[in-house]
C-alpha atoms as a PDB file:
ATOM      1  CA  MET A   1     -18.459  54.354  91.491  1.00  0.00           C
ATOM      2  CA  PRO A   2     -18.506  53.121  87.882  1.00  0.00           C
ATOM      3  CA  ALA A   3     -21.804  52.568  86.114  1.00  0.00           C
ATOM      4  CA  THR A   4     -22.896  48.918  86.068  1.00  0.00           C
ATOM      5  CA  ILE A   5     -23.692  47.495  82.664  1.00  0.00           C
ATOM      6  CA  PHE A   6     -25.732  44.292  82.564  1.00  0.00           C
ATOM      7  CA  ILE A   7     -25.011  42.126  79.505  1.00  0.00           C
ATOM      8  CA  VAL A   8     -27.489  39.403  78.536  1.00  0.00           C
ATOM      9  CA  ASP A   9     -26.424  37.026  75.758  1.00  0.00           C
ATOM     10  CA  ASP A  10     -26.533  33.255  75.329  1.00  0.00           C
ATOM     11  CA  SER A  11     -23.087  33.306  73.693  1.00  0.00           C
ATOM     12  CA  ALA A  12     -20.263  32.891  76.217  1.00  0.00           C
ATOM     13  CA  THR A  13     -17.844  34.371  73.663  1.00  0.00           C
ATOM     14  CA  ILE A  14     -19.916  37.543  73.261  1.00  0.00           C
ATOM     15  CA  LEU A  15     -20.319  37.867  77.049  1.00  0.00           C
ATOM     16  CA  MET A  16     -16.552  37.566  77.557  1.00  0.00           C
ATOM     17  CA  SER A  17     -15.607  39.943  74.765  1.00  0.00           C
ATOM     18  CA  MET A  18     -18.153  42.623  75.729  1.00  0.00           C
ATOM     19  CA  GLU A  19     -17.206  42.311  79.392  1.00  0.00           C
ATOM     20  CA  ALA A  20     -13.520  42.790  78.493  1.00  0.00           C
ATOM     21  CA  ILE A  21     -14.262  45.857  76.328  1.00  0.00           C
ATOM     22  CA  LEU A  22     -16.529  47.511  78.906  1.00  0.00           C
ATOM     23  CA  THR A  23     -14.334  46.699  81.922  1.00  0.00           C
ATOM     24  CA  LYS A  24     -11.343  48.157  80.072  1.00  0.00           C
ATOM     25  CA  ALA A  25     -13.431  51.313  79.439  1.00  0.00           C
ATOM     26  CA  GLY A  26     -13.960  51.632  83.193  1.00  0.00           C
ATOM     27  CA  PHE A  27     -17.441  50.170  83.646  1.00  0.00           C
ATOM     28  CA  ALA A  28     -18.578  47.566  86.163  1.00  0.00           C
ATOM     29  CA  VAL A  29     -20.135  44.570  84.377  1.00  0.00           C
ATOM     30  CA  SER A  30     -22.711  41.996  85.410  1.00  0.00           C
ATOM     31  CA  LYS A  31     -23.846  39.303  82.988  1.00  0.00           C
ATOM     32  CA  ALA A  32     -26.466  36.645  82.369  1.00  0.00           C
ATOM     33  CA  ALA A  33     -26.548  33.850  79.784  1.00  0.00           C
ATOM     34  CA  SER A  34     -30.352  33.876  79.317  1.00  0.00           C
ATOM     35  CA  GLY A  35     -33.435  36.042  79.674  1.00  0.00           C
ATOM     36  CA  GLU A  36     -34.525  33.922  82.627  1.00  0.00           C
ATOM     37  CA  GLU A  37     -31.203  34.354  84.433  1.00  0.00           C
ATOM     38  CA  ALA A  38     -31.359  38.103  83.706  1.00  0.00           C
ATOM     39  CA  MET A  39     -34.847  38.380  85.221  1.00  0.00           C
ATOM     40  CA  SER A  40     -33.839  36.479  88.349  1.00  0.00           C
ATOM     41  CA  LYS A  41     -30.802  38.769  88.852  1.00  0.00           C
ATOM     42  CA  LEU A  42     -32.917  41.897  88.337  1.00  0.00           C
ATOM     43  CA  GLN A  43     -35.662  40.614  90.643  1.00  0.00           C
ATOM     44  CA  GLY A  44     -32.921  39.736  93.127  1.00  0.00           C
ATOM     45  CA  GLY A  45     -31.880  43.373  93.403  1.00  0.00           C
ATOM     46  CA  LEU A  46     -29.439  44.075  90.554  1.00  0.00           C
ATOM     47  CA  LYS A  47     -29.914  47.735  89.494  1.00  0.00           C
ATOM     48  CA  PRO A  48     -27.761  48.314  86.400  1.00  0.00           C
ATOM     49  CA  SER A  49     -27.282  51.729  84.757  1.00  0.00           C
ATOM     50  CA  LEU A  50     -27.687  50.092  81.347  1.00  0.00           C
ATOM     51  CA  ILE A  51     -28.856  46.706  80.033  1.00  0.00           C
ATOM     52  CA  ILE A  52     -27.407  45.271  76.812  1.00  0.00           C
ATOM     53  CA  THR A  53     -29.312  42.287  75.431  1.00  0.00           C
ATOM     54  CA  ASP A  54     -29.187  39.956  72.461  1.00  0.00           C
ATOM     55  CA  ILE A  55     -32.479  39.202  70.692  1.00  0.00           C
ATOM     56  CA  HIS A  56     -32.011  35.538  69.784  1.00  0.00           C
ATOM     57  CA  MET A  57     -31.795  33.515  72.988  1.00  0.00           C
ATOM     58  CA  GLY A  58     -33.392  30.284  74.220  1.00  0.00           C
ATOM     59  CA  ALA A  59     -36.741  30.265  75.989  1.00  0.00           C
ATOM     60  CA  MET A  60     -37.029  34.015  76.611  1.00  0.00           C
ATOM     61  CA  ASN A  61     -35.778  36.203  73.772  1.00  0.00           C
ATOM     62  CA  GLY A  62     -34.469  39.752  74.096  1.00  0.00           C
ATOM     63  CA  ILE A  63     -37.763  41.403  73.093  1.00  0.00           C
ATOM     64  CA  GLU A  64     -39.640  39.454  75.796  1.00  0.00           C
ATOM     65  CA  LEU A  65     -36.935  40.374  78.297  1.00  0.00           C
ATOM     66  CA  ILE A  66     -37.264  44.087  77.444  1.00  0.00           C
ATOM     67  CA  LYS A  67     -41.051  43.924  77.862  1.00  0.00           C
ATOM     68  CA  LYS A  68     -40.697  42.227  81.265  1.00  0.00           C
ATOM     69  CA  VAL A  69     -38.031  44.674  82.458  1.00  0.00           C
ATOM     70  CA  ARG A  70     -40.110  47.680  81.386  1.00  0.00           C
ATOM     71  CA  VAL A  71     -43.011  46.717  83.686  1.00  0.00           C
ATOM     72  CA  MET A  72     -40.781  46.248  86.743  1.00  0.00           C
ATOM     73  CA  PRO A  73     -40.940  49.126  89.247  1.00  0.00           C
ATOM     74  CA  GLY A  74     -37.952  51.433  88.809  1.00  0.00           C
ATOM     75  CA  PHE A  75     -36.932  50.010  85.422  1.00  0.00           C
ATOM     76  CA  GLN A  76     -39.059  52.114  83.059  1.00  0.00           C
ATOM     77  CA  PHE A  77     -36.217  54.517  82.283  1.00  0.00           C
ATOM     78  CA  ILE A  78     -33.129  52.299  82.451  1.00  0.00           C
ATOM     79  CA  PRO A  79     -31.601  52.361  78.960  1.00  0.00           C
ATOM     80  CA  ILE A  80     -31.721  49.022  77.135  1.00  0.00           C
ATOM     81  CA  LEU A  81     -29.456  48.475  74.164  1.00  0.00           C
ATOM     82  CA  VAL A  82     -30.133  45.622  71.740  1.00  0.00           C
ATOM     83  CA  VAL A  83     -27.016  44.048  70.219  1.00  0.00           C
ATOM     84  CA  THR A  84     -27.867  41.409  67.631  1.00  0.00           C
ATOM     85  CA  THR A  85     -26.963  39.866  64.289  1.00  0.00           C
ATOM     86  CA  GLU A  86     -30.495  40.792  63.176  1.00  0.00           C
ATOM     87  CA  SER A  87     -30.618  43.816  60.887  1.00  0.00           C
ATOM     88  CA  GLN A  88     -34.230  43.570  59.685  1.00  0.00           C
ATOM     89  CA  GLN A  89     -36.334  46.698  60.101  1.00  0.00           C
ATOM     90  CA  SER A  90     -39.263  44.657  61.447  1.00  0.00           C
ATOM     91  CA  LYS A  91     -37.094  43.402  64.339  1.00  0.00           C
ATOM     92  CA  ARG A  92     -35.932  46.959  65.038  1.00  0.00           C
ATOM     93  CA  ASP A  93     -39.551  48.106  65.109  1.00  0.00           C
ATOM     94  CA  GLU A  94     -40.427  45.264  67.463  1.00  0.00           C
ATOM     95  CA  ALA A  95     -37.542  46.210  69.781  1.00  0.00           C
ATOM     96  CA  ARG A  96     -38.533  49.880  69.644  1.00  0.00           C
ATOM     97  CA  ALA A  97     -42.158  48.991  70.404  1.00  0.00           C
ATOM     98  CA  ALA A  98     -40.925  47.063  73.457  1.00  0.00           C
ATOM     99  CA  LYS A  99     -39.155  50.310  74.469  1.00  0.00           C
ATOM    100  CA  ALA A 100     -35.559  49.437  73.653  1.00  0.00           C
ATOM    101  CA  THR A 101     -33.339  52.524  73.747  1.00  0.00           C
ATOM    102  CA  GLY A 102     -30.972  51.649  70.909  1.00  0.00           C
ATOM    103  CA  TRP A 103     -29.737  49.006  68.491  1.00  0.00           C
ATOM    104  CA  LEU A 104     -26.305  47.758  67.402  1.00  0.00           C
ATOM    105  CA  VAL A 105     -25.660  45.052  64.809  1.00  0.00           C
ATOM    106  CA  LYS A 106     -23.019  42.390  65.594  1.00  0.00           C
ATOM    107  CA  PRO A 107     -20.143  42.207  65.213  1.00  0.00           C
ATOM    108  CA  VAL A 108     -19.777  45.476  67.146  1.00  0.00           C
ATOM    109  CA  GLN A 109     -16.393  47.203  67.064  1.00  0.00           C
ATOM    110  CA  PRO A 110     -15.069  47.902  70.596  1.00  0.00           C
ATOM    111  CA  ASP A 111     -14.832  51.665  69.966  1.00  0.00           C
ATOM    112  CA  ASP A 112     -18.401  51.785  68.667  1.00  0.00           C
ATOM    113  CA  LEU A 113     -19.697  49.850  71.663  1.00  0.00           C
ATOM    114  CA  VAL A 114     -17.982  52.159  74.164  1.00  0.00           C
ATOM    115  CA  ARG A 115     -19.070  55.297  72.260  1.00  0.00           C
ATOM    116  CA  VAL A 116     -22.734  54.212  72.159  1.00  0.00           C
ATOM    117  CA  VAL A 117     -22.705  53.154  75.819  1.00  0.00           C
ATOM    118  CA  LYS A 118     -21.303  56.564  76.807  1.00  0.00           C
ATOM    119  CA  GLN A 119     -23.947  58.315  74.679  1.00  0.00           C
ATOM    120  CA  ILE A 120     -26.796  56.362  76.289  1.00  0.00           C
ATOM    121  CA  LEU A 121     -25.695  56.417  79.914  1.00  0.00           C
ATOM    122  CA  PRO A 122     -27.299  59.207  81.942  1.00  0.00           C
ATOM    123  CA  ASN A 123     -23.899  60.449  83.160  1.00  0.00           C
ATOM    124  CA  GLY A 124     -21.995  59.411  80.027  1.00  0.00           C
END
């Protein structure tokens, strides 16, 4: 069974392009267009192998989402990758403090995305 990757981004274009790249690489993909939608899917039983989130989203940003996911039972060790246009060190530190696993700056090249995902996933 392929690993499920959960993509959270408020950009429909990013969701579609990342889904296409990851599906082509053999992963199952689930997606949410906001932090709130992501939380409701996770609380509803979605158990992804990896979560990829944007930082800049509407009401709940990516950092808040990471903090909420990290306190959910069974989610402490699920890798969370931040993919954002933000390259500031302070934002990276904030993401790291929230226990994000890794960081990619948009636009991400398809090969780089797949390589990083394979590096992070427990069974690569």
